[in-house]
Amino acid sequence: MTYQKRLSASKRTPLERKGTKYIAVQSPGPHKKEESMSLVVVIRDILKLSETTREAKKILNAKKVMVDGIPRKDHRFPIGFLDEISFTGIEDRYIGVYNKVGKLEFKKITKTLPKPMMITGKKILQKGKIQVNLFKGMNILLDKKAEYKVGDSLIIEKNKVIKHLKFQKGANVFLIAGKHTGQNGVIENIKEQKDWTQPTMITVKTKAGVYDTPKEYAYVTDGEL
């Protein structure tokens, strides 16, 4: 299936109810379907850089659209949280973040930002190495002695870790789910699990207040998004 009804799109998608009846379904890629939208939808419906799908495809085929610095021609390429979109010949660039109602939106930025990549898993390999699995399906091989934990974030350049952002008290986080989605905050407390069936809870201080939220709802960042 390459198309779906607009009304059946993910709740994370900030699409107006009026518009084309069908929208392009995302190709398999770095984001889950329910957490992303196709590149053509972003160009046409969100950023309003074209009026039709045909116009959007022409822009893509001319290699004028880049996602995280890589030209993308697939109009169904999935776009989601922390993806940066830039254009050949245009200074405007945007980064995908969640707003306070949990919708994916594209915030205009003036320069490329270092992207913290959350650690989602680890695997011990032979020869003193570990494979660290990261957000968006990325992975990197690191020394087994490195003290990286699931939930931490890494800033990586040229396949090397240049900064390790630990999930700990005082860490900057961006809330990606729950009632307080879209808010930046600082971890004030991490509550120990009493039962492995219960989620680890944290206390986060934001500009709007102090909240308790599950650990999995907080994404460690290098400052505010």
N, C-alpha and C. Protein backbone atom coordinates (compact mmCIF):
# COMPACT_ATOMS: atom_id res chain seq x y z
N MET A 1 0.85 -1.19 0.00
CA MET A 1 0.00 0.00 0.00
C MET A 1 0.88 1.24 0.00
N THR A 2 0.71 2.12 -0.97
CA THR A 2 1.52 3.33 -1.06
C THR A 2 0.77 4.59 -0.65
N TYR A 3 -0.55 4.47 -0.47
CA TYR A 3 -1.35 5.63 -0.05
C TYR A 3 -2.32 5.23 1.05
N GLN A 4 -2.72 6.20 1.84
CA GLN A 4 -3.72 5.96 2.87
C GLN A 4 -4.62 7.19 2.95
N LYS A 5 -5.78 7.01 3.55
CA LYS A 5 -6.69 8.14 3.69
C LYS A 5 -6.12 9.15 4.68
N ARG A 6 -6.26 10.42 4.35
CA ARG A 6 -5.78 11.50 5.22
C ARG A 6 -6.33 11.36 6.64
N LEU A 7 -7.60 11.00 6.75
CA LEU A 7 -8.23 10.92 8.07
C LEU A 7 -7.68 9.78 8.93
N SER A 8 -6.99 8.82 8.30
CA SER A 8 -6.45 7.69 9.05
C SER A 8 -4.98 7.90 9.42
N ALA A 9 -4.44 9.08 9.13
CA ALA A 9 -3.03 9.37 9.44
C ALA A 9 -2.80 9.35 10.95
N SER A 10 -1.56 9.15 11.35
CA SER A 10 -1.20 9.10 12.76
C SER A 10 -1.60 10.39 13.47
N LYS A 11 -1.93 10.26 14.76
CA LYS A 11 -2.28 11.42 15.57
C LYS A 11 -1.09 12.36 15.76
N ARG A 12 0.12 11.85 15.49
CA ARG A 12 1.33 12.67 15.59
C ARG A 12 1.45 13.62 14.39
N THR A 13 0.67 13.36 13.34
CA THR A 13 0.78 14.14 12.11
C THR A 13 -0.10 15.38 12.17
N PRO A 14 0.47 16.58 11.98
CA PRO A 14 -0.29 17.82 12.09
C PRO A 14 -1.00 18.20 10.79
N LEU A 15 -1.76 17.27 10.24
CA LEU A 15 -2.43 17.53 8.97
C LEU A 15 -3.81 18.15 9.18
N GLU A 16 -4.15 19.09 8.33
CA GLU A 16 -5.49 19.65 8.35
C GLU A 16 -6.47 18.61 7.82
N ARG A 17 -7.69 18.67 8.31
CA ARG A 17 -8.69 17.68 7.88
C ARG A 17 -9.03 17.86 6.39
N LYS A 18 -8.99 19.11 5.93
CA LYS A 18 -9.29 19.37 4.53
C LYS A 18 -8.02 19.26 3.71
N GLY A 19 -8.16 18.75 2.49
CA GLY A 19 -7.02 18.58 1.61
C GLY A 19 -7.22 17.35 0.75
N THR A 20 -6.15 16.85 0.18
CA THR A 20 -6.25 15.66 -0.64
C THR A 20 -6.80 14.50 0.18
N LYS A 21 -7.63 13.69 -0.43
CA LYS A 21 -8.26 12.58 0.29
C LYS A 21 -7.22 11.56 0.74
N TYR A 22 -6.20 11.34 -0.11
CA TYR A 22 -5.18 10.34 0.18
C TYR A 22 -3.81 11.01 0.33
N ILE A 23 -2.97 10.43 1.19
CA ILE A 23 -1.59 10.89 1.35
C ILE A 23 -0.66 9.70 1.20
N ALA A 24 0.60 9.99 0.85
CA ALA A 24 1.57 8.92 0.62
C ALA A 24 1.97 8.26 1.94
N VAL A 25 2.02 6.94 1.92
CA VAL A 25 2.47 6.16 3.09
C VAL A 25 4.00 6.13 3.08
N GLN A 26 4.61 6.21 4.25
CA GLN A 26 6.04 6.23 4.35
C GLN A 26 6.69 4.92 3.89
N SER A 27 7.88 5.05 3.31
CA SER A 27 8.69 3.87 2.99
C SER A 27 9.30 3.33 4.28
N PRO A 28 9.74 2.08 4.30
CA PRO A 28 10.47 1.59 5.47
C PRO A 28 11.72 2.45 5.68
N GLY A 29 12.02 2.79 6.92
CA GLY A 29 13.16 3.68 7.15
C GLY A 29 13.46 3.85 8.62
N PRO A 30 14.07 4.98 8.98
CA PRO A 30 14.56 5.18 10.35
C PRO A 30 13.49 5.48 11.39
N HIS A 31 12.24 5.72 10.98
CA HIS A 31 11.19 6.03 11.93
C HIS A 31 10.01 5.06 11.79
N LYS A 32 9.31 4.84 12.89
CA LYS A 32 8.09 4.06 12.85
C LYS A 32 7.01 4.85 12.10
N LYS A 33 6.10 4.13 11.49
CA LYS A 33 5.03 4.77 10.72
C LYS A 33 4.21 5.73 11.58
N GLU A 34 3.90 5.32 12.81
CA GLU A 34 3.05 6.15 13.66
C GLU A 34 3.79 7.35 14.24
N GLU A 35 5.11 7.44 14.00
CA GLU A 35 5.89 8.55 14.54
C GLU A 35 6.51 9.41 13.44
N SER A 36 5.99 9.30 12.23
CA SER A 36 6.60 10.03 11.12
C SER A 36 5.57 10.35 10.05
N MET A 37 6.02 11.04 9.01
CA MET A 37 5.20 11.31 7.83
C MET A 37 6.11 11.30 6.61
N SER A 38 5.55 11.09 5.45
CA SER A 38 6.36 11.01 4.24
C SER A 38 6.89 12.39 3.86
N LEU A 39 8.05 12.40 3.21
CA LEU A 39 8.72 13.64 2.84
C LEU A 39 7.85 14.52 1.96
N VAL A 40 7.09 13.92 1.05
CA VAL A 40 6.24 14.71 0.17
C VAL A 40 5.16 15.44 0.96
N VAL A 41 4.65 14.82 2.01
CA VAL A 41 3.62 15.47 2.85
C VAL A 41 4.22 16.66 3.58
N VAL A 42 5.46 16.50 4.05
CA VAL A 42 6.13 17.62 4.75
C VAL A 42 6.32 18.79 3.80
N ILE A 43 6.80 18.50 2.59
CA ILE A 43 7.07 19.58 1.62
C ILE A 43 5.80 20.26 1.18
N ARG A 44 4.76 19.48 0.89
CA ARG A 44 3.53 20.04 0.32
C ARG A 44 2.58 20.58 1.38
N ASP A 45 2.31 19.78 2.40
CA ASP A 45 1.25 20.14 3.36
C ASP A 45 1.74 20.90 4.59
N ILE A 46 2.99 20.66 5.01
CA ILE A 46 3.48 21.28 6.23
C ILE A 46 4.28 22.55 5.94
N LEU A 47 5.29 22.43 5.08
CA LEU A 47 6.13 23.59 4.77
C LEU A 47 5.58 24.44 3.63
N LYS A 48 4.60 23.90 2.92
CA LYS A 48 3.92 24.64 1.84
C LYS A 48 4.90 25.09 0.75
N LEU A 49 5.87 24.24 0.40
CA LEU A 49 6.84 24.58 -0.63
C LEU A 49 6.39 24.16 -2.02
N SER A 50 5.28 23.44 -2.09
CA SER A 50 4.68 23.08 -3.39
C SER A 50 3.18 22.98 -3.19
N GLU A 51 2.46 23.08 -4.28
CA GLU A 51 1.01 22.99 -4.21
C GLU A 51 0.50 21.59 -4.52
N THR A 52 1.29 20.83 -5.25
CA THR A 52 0.87 19.49 -5.66
C THR A 52 1.97 18.47 -5.41
N THR A 53 1.57 17.20 -5.42
CA THR A 53 2.55 16.12 -5.29
C THR A 53 3.52 16.14 -6.46
N ARG A 54 3.01 16.43 -7.64
CA ARG A 54 3.87 16.47 -8.83
C ARG A 54 4.98 17.51 -8.68
N GLU A 55 4.63 18.68 -8.18
CA GLU A 55 5.64 19.72 -7.97
C GLU A 55 6.67 19.29 -6.93
N ALA A 56 6.19 18.66 -5.86
CA ALA A 56 7.09 18.20 -4.81
C ALA A 56 8.07 17.15 -5.35
N LYS A 57 7.58 16.24 -6.19
CA LYS A 57 8.44 15.21 -6.76
C LYS A 57 9.52 15.82 -7.65
N LYS A 58 9.18 16.89 -8.37
CA LYS A 58 10.17 17.56 -9.22
C LYS A 58 11.29 18.15 -8.37
N ILE A 59 10.92 18.74 -7.25
CA ILE A 59 11.92 19.30 -6.34
C ILE A 59 12.83 18.20 -5.81
N LEU A 60 12.25 17.07 -5.46
CA LEU A 60 13.02 15.96 -4.92
C LEU A 60 13.92 15.33 -5.99
N ASN A 61 13.39 15.15 -7.18
CA ASN A 61 14.18 14.53 -8.26
C ASN A 61 15.36 15.40 -8.66
N ALA A 62 15.26 16.70 -8.41
CA ALA A 62 16.36 17.62 -8.73
C ALA A 62 17.41 17.64 -7.61
N LYS A 63 17.22 16.79 -6.60
CA LYS A 63 18.14 16.68 -5.45
C LYS A 63 18.28 18.01 -4.71
N LYS A 64 17.17 18.70 -4.56
CA LYS A 64 17.18 19.99 -3.88
C LYS A 64 16.79 19.89 -2.40
N VAL A 65 16.40 18.69 -1.98
CA VAL A 65 15.97 18.51 -0.59
C VAL A 65 16.92 17.55 0.12
N MET A 66 17.43 17.99 1.27
CA MET A 66 18.34 17.15 2.04
C MET A 66 17.77 16.87 3.44
N VAL A 67 17.92 15.65 3.87
CA VAL A 67 17.53 15.25 5.22
C VAL A 67 18.81 14.88 5.96
N ASP A 68 19.11 15.63 7.00
CA ASP A 68 20.36 15.46 7.75
C ASP A 68 21.57 15.51 6.82
N GLY A 69 21.51 16.43 5.85
CA GLY A 69 22.63 16.65 4.95
C GLY A 69 22.73 15.70 3.77
N ILE A 70 21.80 14.74 3.68
CA ILE A 70 21.83 13.76 2.59
C ILE A 70 20.69 14.03 1.62
N PRO A 71 20.97 14.22 0.31
CA PRO A 71 19.89 14.45 -0.65
C PRO A 71 18.94 13.25 -0.70
N ARG A 72 17.64 13.51 -0.67
CA ARG A 72 16.65 12.44 -0.71
C ARG A 72 15.71 12.66 -1.89
N LYS A 73 15.54 11.59 -2.68
CA LYS A 73 14.65 11.66 -3.84
C LYS A 73 13.35 10.90 -3.62
N ASP A 74 13.34 9.98 -2.67
CA ASP A 74 12.14 9.17 -2.40
C ASP A 74 11.08 10.04 -1.74
N HIS A 75 9.97 10.27 -2.44
CA HIS A 75 8.93 11.14 -1.88
C HIS A 75 8.24 10.52 -0.67
N ARG A 76 8.44 9.22 -0.47
CA ARG A 76 7.83 8.53 0.66
C ARG A 76 8.81 8.33 1.83
N PHE A 77 9.99 8.90 1.74
CA PHE A 77 10.99 8.75 2.82
C PHE A 77 10.39 9.27 4.13
N PRO A 78 10.50 8.49 5.23
CA PRO A 78 9.87 8.89 6.50
C PRO A 78 10.65 10.00 7.21
N ILE A 79 9.92 11.01 7.64
CA ILE A 79 10.50 12.15 8.35
C ILE A 79 9.91 12.20 9.75
N GLY A 80 10.77 12.39 10.76
CA GLY A 80 10.28 12.40 12.13
C GLY A 80 11.12 13.23 13.07
N PHE A 81 11.05 12.90 14.34
CA PHE A 81 11.72 13.63 15.41
C PHE A 81 13.22 13.76 15.16
N LEU A 82 13.72 14.98 15.28
CA LEU A 82 15.12 15.36 15.15
C LEU A 82 15.67 15.28 13.74
N ASP A 83 14.84 15.05 12.74
CA ASP A 83 15.31 15.12 11.35
C ASP A 83 15.45 16.59 10.95
N GLU A 84 16.55 16.91 10.31
CA GLU A 84 16.77 18.27 9.82
C GLU A 84 16.57 18.29 8.30
N ILE A 85 15.74 19.21 7.85
CA ILE A 85 15.46 19.35 6.42
C ILE A 85 16.05 20.66 5.93
N SER A 86 16.86 20.59 4.88
CA SER A 86 17.45 21.79 4.28
C SER A 86 17.30 21.70 2.77
N PHE A 87 17.59 22.80 2.08
CA PHE A 87 17.31 22.88 0.65
C PHE A 87 18.45 23.56 -0.09
N THR A 88 18.73 23.09 -1.30
CA THR A 88 19.73 23.71 -2.15
C THR A 88 19.24 25.08 -2.60
N GLY A 89 20.05 26.10 -2.37
CA GLY A 89 19.70 27.44 -2.82
C GLY A 89 18.77 28.20 -1.91
N ILE A 90 18.37 27.59 -0.79
CA ILE A 90 17.48 28.26 0.16
C ILE A 90 18.12 28.20 1.55
N GLU A 91 18.17 29.32 2.24
CA GLU A 91 18.80 29.35 3.56
C GLU A 91 17.96 28.67 4.64
N ASP A 92 16.64 28.65 4.45
CA ASP A 92 15.75 28.08 5.47
C ASP A 92 16.07 26.62 5.73
N ARG A 93 16.06 26.24 6.99
CA ARG A 93 16.20 24.84 7.37
C ARG A 93 15.31 24.60 8.58
N TYR A 94 14.90 23.35 8.74
CA TYR A 94 13.93 23.02 9.78
C TYR A 94 14.34 21.75 10.50
N ILE A 95 13.92 21.62 11.77
CA ILE A 95 14.17 20.40 12.52
C ILE A 95 12.84 19.90 13.09
N GLY A 96 12.63 18.60 13.04
CA GLY A 96 11.40 18.00 13.52
C GLY A 96 11.40 17.85 15.04
N VAL A 97 10.39 18.43 15.69
CA VAL A 97 10.22 18.29 17.14
C VAL A 97 8.74 18.08 17.43
N TYR A 98 8.42 17.71 18.66
CA TYR A 98 7.02 17.57 19.05
C TYR A 98 6.56 18.86 19.73
N ASN A 99 5.34 19.29 19.39
CA ASN A 99 4.79 20.45 20.07
C ASN A 99 4.05 20.02 21.34
N LYS A 100 3.42 20.95 22.02
CA LYS A 100 2.83 20.66 23.32
C LYS A 100 1.52 19.89 23.27
N VAL A 101 1.02 19.61 22.06
CA VAL A 101 -0.15 18.74 21.94
C VAL A 101 0.26 17.39 21.33
N GLY A 102 1.58 17.15 21.27
CA GLY A 102 2.09 15.87 20.80
C GLY A 102 2.18 15.70 19.31
N LYS A 103 1.99 16.81 18.56
CA LYS A 103 2.07 16.74 17.10
C LYS A 103 3.51 17.02 16.65
N LEU A 104 3.91 16.36 15.59
CA LEU A 104 5.22 16.61 14.99
C LEU A 104 5.16 17.93 14.24
N GLU A 105 6.10 18.83 14.52
CA GLU A 105 6.15 20.10 13.79
C GLU A 105 7.59 20.36 13.37
N PHE A 106 7.76 21.32 12.46
CA PHE A 106 9.09 21.61 11.95
C PHE A 106 9.49 23.02 12.30
N LYS A 107 10.43 23.10 13.21
CA LYS A 107 10.89 24.36 13.77
C LYS A 107 12.02 24.93 12.92
N LYS A 108 11.90 26.21 12.54
CA LYS A 108 12.93 26.83 11.73
C LYS A 108 14.18 27.08 12.57
N ILE A 109 15.34 26.73 12.03
CA ILE A 109 16.61 26.94 12.73
C ILE A 109 17.55 27.69 11.79
N THR A 110 18.58 28.30 12.36
CA THR A 110 19.51 29.10 11.56
C THR A 110 20.78 28.34 11.19
N LYS A 111 21.05 27.25 11.89
CA LYS A 111 22.24 26.47 11.60
C LYS A 111 22.02 25.02 12.01
N THR A 112 22.84 24.15 11.48
CA THR A 112 22.74 22.74 11.83
C THR A 112 23.08 22.54 13.30
N LEU A 113 22.23 21.80 14.00
CA LEU A 113 22.42 21.56 15.42
C LEU A 113 23.02 20.17 15.67
N PRO A 114 23.92 20.03 16.65
CA PRO A 114 24.41 18.69 17.01
C PRO A 114 23.22 17.85 17.48
N LYS A 115 23.09 16.66 16.97
CA LYS A 115 21.92 15.84 17.30
C LYS A 115 22.27 14.77 18.33
N PRO A 116 21.67 14.85 19.49
CA PRO A 116 21.85 13.79 20.48
C PRO A 116 21.09 12.54 20.05
N MET A 117 21.76 11.42 20.01
CA MET A 117 21.13 10.16 19.61
C MET A 117 20.99 9.26 20.83
N MET A 118 19.75 8.98 21.19
CA MET A 118 19.50 8.17 22.38
C MET A 118 19.95 6.72 22.18
N ILE A 119 20.56 6.16 23.24
CA ILE A 119 20.94 4.75 23.21
C ILE A 119 19.70 3.91 23.52
N THR A 120 19.35 3.03 22.60
CA THR A 120 18.16 2.20 22.77
C THR A 120 18.49 0.76 23.11
N GLY A 121 19.76 0.37 22.96
CA GLY A 121 20.14 -1.00 23.28
C GLY A 121 21.65 -1.20 23.16
N LYS A 122 22.16 -2.29 23.75
CA LYS A 122 23.58 -2.63 23.69
C LYS A 122 23.74 -4.12 23.46
N LYS A 123 24.79 -4.47 22.75
CA LYS A 123 25.08 -5.88 22.49
C LYS A 123 26.58 -6.10 22.62
N ILE A 124 26.97 -7.08 23.44
CA ILE A 124 28.39 -7.38 23.65
C ILE A 124 28.90 -8.25 22.50
N LEU A 125 29.99 -7.80 21.90
CA LEU A 125 30.59 -8.54 20.79
C LEU A 125 31.95 -9.10 21.24
N GLN A 126 32.60 -9.77 20.34
CA GLN A 126 33.92 -10.31 20.63
C GLN A 126 34.98 -9.22 20.52
N LYS A 127 36.18 -9.54 20.96
CA LYS A 127 37.34 -8.65 20.84
C LYS A 127 37.16 -7.33 21.58
N GLY A 128 36.49 -7.39 22.73
CA GLY A 128 36.40 -6.22 23.58
C GLY A 128 35.57 -5.08 23.04
N LYS A 129 34.59 -5.39 22.21
CA LYS A 129 33.75 -4.34 21.63
C LYS A 129 32.29 -4.53 22.04
N ILE A 130 31.55 -3.43 22.02
CA ILE A 130 30.10 -3.50 22.20
C ILE A 130 29.45 -2.76 21.05
N GLN A 131 28.30 -3.25 20.63
CA GLN A 131 27.51 -2.54 19.63
C GLN A 131 26.45 -1.75 20.35
N VAL A 132 26.45 -0.46 20.17
CA VAL A 132 25.47 0.42 20.80
C VAL A 132 24.43 0.79 19.75
N ASN A 133 23.17 0.44 20.03
CA ASN A 133 22.08 0.76 19.12
C ASN A 133 21.50 2.12 19.50
N LEU A 134 21.28 2.94 18.49
CA LEU A 134 20.86 4.31 18.70
C LEU A 134 19.51 4.61 18.07
N PHE A 135 18.94 5.72 18.47
CA PHE A 135 17.69 6.23 17.91
C PHE A 135 17.80 6.29 16.39
N LYS A 136 16.71 6.03 15.71
CA LYS A 136 16.60 6.04 14.24
C LYS A 136 17.32 4.86 13.59
N GLY A 137 17.56 3.81 14.38
CA GLY A 137 18.12 2.59 13.80
C GLY A 137 19.62 2.61 13.57
N MET A 138 20.30 3.64 14.03
CA MET A 138 21.75 3.70 13.87
C MET A 138 22.43 2.80 14.89
N ASN A 139 23.68 2.43 14.61
CA ASN A 139 24.48 1.71 15.60
C ASN A 139 25.94 2.05 15.40
N ILE A 140 26.71 1.85 16.47
CA ILE A 140 28.13 2.18 16.43
C ILE A 140 28.87 1.19 17.32
N LEU A 141 30.10 0.84 16.93
CA LEU A 141 30.94 -0.07 17.72
C LEU A 141 31.83 0.75 18.63
N LEU A 142 31.84 0.38 19.92
CA LEU A 142 32.62 1.11 20.91
C LEU A 142 33.38 0.14 21.81
N ASP A 143 34.35 0.68 22.53
CA ASP A 143 35.12 -0.14 23.45
C ASP A 143 34.21 -0.65 24.57
N LYS A 144 34.38 -1.90 24.94
CA LYS A 144 33.51 -2.52 25.95
C LYS A 144 33.61 -1.81 27.30
N LYS A 145 34.72 -1.14 27.57
CA LYS A 145 34.91 -0.46 28.85
C LYS A 145 34.12 0.84 28.95
N ALA A 146 33.65 1.34 27.81
CA ALA A 146 32.91 2.59 27.82
C ALA A 146 31.62 2.44 28.63
N GLU A 147 31.38 3.38 29.51
CA GLU A 147 30.23 3.29 30.42
C GLU A 147 29.00 3.98 29.82
N TYR A 148 28.47 3.40 28.77
CA TYR A 148 27.27 3.94 28.14
C TYR A 148 26.07 3.09 28.55
N LYS A 149 24.98 3.75 28.90
CA LYS A 149 23.78 3.04 29.34
C LYS A 149 22.59 3.37 28.46
N VAL A 150 21.65 2.44 28.40
CA VAL A 150 20.41 2.69 27.67
C VAL A 150 19.70 3.89 28.30
N GLY A 151 19.29 4.83 27.47
CA GLY A 151 18.67 6.06 27.96
C GLY A 151 19.60 7.25 27.87
N ASP A 152 20.93 6.99 27.89
CA ASP A 152 21.89 8.08 27.65
C ASP A 152 21.78 8.51 26.19
N SER A 153 22.37 9.65 25.87
CA SER A 153 22.43 10.11 24.48
C SER A 153 23.88 10.36 24.10
N LEU A 154 24.19 10.17 22.83
CA LEU A 154 25.53 10.42 22.31
C LEU A 154 25.44 11.41 21.16
N ILE A 155 26.41 12.31 21.09
CA ILE A 155 26.55 13.16 19.91
C ILE A 155 27.71 12.60 19.12
N ILE A 156 27.45 12.25 17.87
CA ILE A 156 28.43 11.54 17.04
C ILE A 156 28.76 12.33 15.79
N GLU A 157 30.03 12.40 15.47
CA GLU A 157 30.49 13.00 14.22
C GLU A 157 31.50 12.06 13.58
N LYS A 158 31.29 11.76 12.30
CA LYS A 158 32.19 10.89 11.55
C LYS A 158 32.43 9.57 12.28
N ASN A 159 31.34 9.02 12.80
CA ASN A 159 31.34 7.72 13.47
C ASN A 159 32.16 7.70 14.76
N LYS A 160 32.37 8.88 15.35
CA LYS A 160 33.07 8.96 16.62
C LYS A 160 32.22 9.72 17.63
N VAL A 161 32.26 9.26 18.88
CA VAL A 161 31.51 9.93 19.94
C VAL A 161 32.27 11.18 20.37
N ILE A 162 31.63 12.35 20.24
CA ILE A 162 32.28 13.58 20.66
C ILE A 162 31.70 14.10 21.98
N LYS A 163 30.54 13.56 22.37
CA LYS A 163 29.95 13.97 23.65
C LYS A 163 29.02 12.89 24.16
N HIS A 164 29.11 12.61 25.46
CA HIS A 164 28.28 11.61 26.12
C HIS A 164 27.35 12.34 27.08
N LEU A 165 26.05 12.25 26.86
CA LEU A 165 25.06 12.92 27.70
C LEU A 165 24.37 11.85 28.55
N LYS A 166 24.68 11.82 29.84
CA LYS A 166 24.17 10.78 30.72
C LYS A 166 22.74 11.07 31.17
N PHE A 167 21.96 10.00 31.32
CA PHE A 167 20.62 10.11 31.91
C PHE A 167 20.81 10.12 33.41
N GLN A 168 20.81 11.31 34.00
CA GLN A 168 21.09 11.45 35.42
C GLN A 168 20.47 12.75 35.94
N LYS A 169 20.52 12.94 37.25
CA LYS A 169 20.02 14.18 37.83
C LYS A 169 20.78 15.36 37.23
N GLY A 170 20.04 16.41 36.89
CA GLY A 170 20.66 17.58 36.30
C GLY A 170 20.73 17.56 34.79
N ALA A 171 20.39 16.42 34.17
CA ALA A 171 20.44 16.32 32.71
C ALA A 171 19.30 17.10 32.07
N ASN A 172 19.59 17.72 30.93
CA ASN A 172 18.55 18.36 30.13
C ASN A 172 17.78 17.30 29.36
N VAL A 173 16.46 17.40 29.36
CA VAL A 173 15.64 16.44 28.62
C VAL A 173 14.55 17.16 27.84
N PHE A 174 14.08 16.49 26.81
CA PHE A 174 12.92 16.94 26.04
C PHE A 174 11.88 15.84 26.15
N LEU A 175 10.65 16.19 26.54
CA LEU A 175 9.62 15.18 26.75
C LEU A 175 8.95 14.84 25.42
N ILE A 176 8.99 13.56 25.04
CA ILE A 176 8.54 13.13 23.72
C ILE A 176 7.20 12.40 23.76
N ALA A 177 6.64 12.20 24.94
CA ALA A 177 5.35 11.51 25.06
C ALA A 177 4.70 11.91 26.38
N GLY A 178 3.43 11.54 26.53
CA GLY A 178 2.72 11.84 27.77
C GLY A 178 2.04 13.20 27.76
N LYS A 179 1.50 13.58 28.91
CA LYS A 179 0.73 14.81 29.04
C LYS A 179 1.58 16.07 28.84
N HIS A 180 2.89 15.95 29.03
CA HIS A 180 3.74 17.14 28.98
C HIS A 180 4.68 17.13 27.77
N THR A 181 4.28 16.42 26.73
CA THR A 181 5.06 16.35 25.49
C THR A 181 5.41 17.75 24.99
N GLY A 182 6.62 17.87 24.42
CA GLY A 182 7.02 19.12 23.80
C GLY A 182 7.68 20.11 24.74
N GLN A 183 7.88 19.72 26.00
CA GLN A 183 8.49 20.63 26.96
C GLN A 183 9.94 20.24 27.23
N ASN A 184 10.79 21.27 27.35
CA ASN A 184 12.16 21.08 27.78
C ASN A 184 12.21 21.14 29.30
N GLY A 185 13.11 20.37 29.89
CA GLY A 185 13.20 20.40 31.35
C GLY A 185 14.52 19.84 31.84
N VAL A 186 14.64 19.75 33.15
CA VAL A 186 15.85 19.22 33.80
C VAL A 186 15.41 18.14 34.79
N ILE A 187 16.12 17.01 34.80
CA ILE A 187 15.79 15.92 35.72
C ILE A 187 16.17 16.32 37.14
N GLU A 188 15.19 16.30 38.05
CA GLU A 188 15.44 16.62 39.46
C GLU A 188 15.59 15.36 40.31
N ASN A 189 14.96 14.28 39.88
CA ASN A 189 15.03 13.06 40.68
C ASN A 189 14.71 11.85 39.81
N ILE A 190 15.36 10.74 40.09
CA ILE A 190 15.07 9.46 39.44
C ILE A 190 14.63 8.49 40.53
N LYS A 191 13.41 8.01 40.44
CA LYS A 191 12.85 7.16 41.48
C LYS A 191 13.11 5.70 41.18
N GLU A 192 13.65 5.00 42.15
CA GLU A 192 13.97 3.59 41.96
C GLU A 192 12.71 2.76 41.77
N GLN A 193 12.80 1.74 40.90
CA GLN A 193 11.68 0.83 40.69
C GLN A 193 11.47 -0.06 41.91
N LYS A 194 10.24 -0.15 42.36
CA LYS A 194 9.91 -1.08 43.44
C LYS A 194 9.54 -2.44 42.89
N ASP A 195 9.13 -2.46 41.63
CA ASP A 195 8.68 -3.69 40.98
C ASP A 195 9.08 -3.60 39.52
N TRP A 196 9.69 -4.65 38.98
CA TRP A 196 10.17 -4.59 37.60
C TRP A 196 9.05 -4.41 36.59
N THR A 197 7.80 -4.66 37.02
CA THR A 197 6.67 -4.47 36.11
C THR A 197 6.25 -3.00 36.01
N GLN A 198 6.78 -2.17 36.90
CA GLN A 198 6.42 -0.76 36.91
C GLN A 198 7.50 0.07 36.21
N PRO A 199 7.11 1.13 35.51
CA PRO A 199 8.11 1.96 34.83
C PRO A 199 8.92 2.79 35.82
N THR A 200 10.18 3.05 35.49
CA THR A 200 10.99 3.96 36.29
C THR A 200 10.43 5.37 36.11
N MET A 201 10.17 6.06 37.21
CA MET A 201 9.61 7.40 37.15
C MET A 201 10.69 8.44 37.46
N ILE A 202 10.58 9.57 36.83
CA ILE A 202 11.51 10.66 37.09
C ILE A 202 10.73 11.94 37.38
N THR A 203 11.37 12.87 38.05
CA THR A 203 10.78 14.19 38.30
C THR A 203 11.52 15.18 37.41
N VAL A 204 10.76 15.91 36.60
CA VAL A 204 11.34 16.86 35.66
C VAL A 204 10.82 18.27 35.95
N LYS A 205 11.75 19.21 36.03
CA LYS A 205 11.38 20.62 36.23
C LYS A 205 11.39 21.33 34.89
N THR A 206 10.26 21.89 34.50
CA THR A 206 10.13 22.64 33.26
C THR A 206 9.72 24.08 33.58
N LYS A 207 9.64 24.90 32.57
CA LYS A 207 9.22 26.29 32.77
C LYS A 207 7.76 26.36 33.21
N ALA A 208 6.99 25.32 32.87
CA ALA A 208 5.56 25.31 33.21
C ALA A 208 5.27 24.69 34.57
N GLY A 209 6.25 23.97 35.14
CA GLY A 209 6.01 23.33 36.42
C GLY A 209 6.92 22.13 36.62
N VAL A 210 6.67 21.39 37.71
CA VAL A 210 7.46 20.20 38.04
C VAL A 210 6.54 18.99 37.90
N TYR A 211 7.00 17.98 37.14
CA TYR A 211 6.13 16.84 36.84
C TYR A 211 6.86 15.52 37.08
N ASP A 212 6.07 14.50 37.44
CA ASP A 212 6.56 13.13 37.45
C ASP A 212 6.12 12.49 36.13
N THR A 213 7.05 11.78 35.50
CA THR A 213 6.75 11.16 34.21
C THR A 213 7.61 9.91 34.05
N PRO A 214 7.19 8.93 33.25
CA PRO A 214 8.02 7.75 33.03
C PRO A 214 9.36 8.12 32.36
N LYS A 215 10.39 7.42 32.75
CA LYS A 215 11.73 7.66 32.19
C LYS A 215 11.71 7.60 30.67
N GLU A 216 10.95 6.66 30.11
CA GLU A 216 10.95 6.46 28.66
C GLU A 216 10.37 7.64 27.90
N TYR A 217 9.70 8.57 28.59
CA TYR A 217 9.14 9.74 27.93
C TYR A 217 10.15 10.88 27.81
N ALA A 218 11.33 10.72 28.42
CA ALA A 218 12.32 11.80 28.44
C ALA A 218 13.51 11.44 27.54
N TYR A 219 13.88 12.39 26.69
CA TYR A 219 14.98 12.22 25.75
C TYR A 219 16.08 13.20 26.15
N VAL A 220 17.26 12.66 26.52
CA VAL A 220 18.36 13.51 26.99
C VAL A 220 18.91 14.34 25.82
N THR A 221 19.04 15.66 26.06
CA THR A 221 19.51 16.57 25.02
C THR A 221 20.70 17.39 25.53
N ASP A 222 21.30 18.13 24.62
CA ASP A 222 22.44 18.99 24.95
C ASP A 222 21.96 20.44 25.04
N GLY A 223 20.89 20.67 25.81
CA GLY A 223 20.27 21.99 25.87
C GLY A 223 18.85 21.92 25.36
N GLU A 224 18.19 23.05 25.20
CA GLU A 224 16.80 23.06 24.78
C GLU A 224 16.64 22.83 23.29
N LEU A 225 15.58 22.14 22.92
CA LEU A 225 15.24 21.95 21.51
C LEU A 225 14.26 23.03 21.09
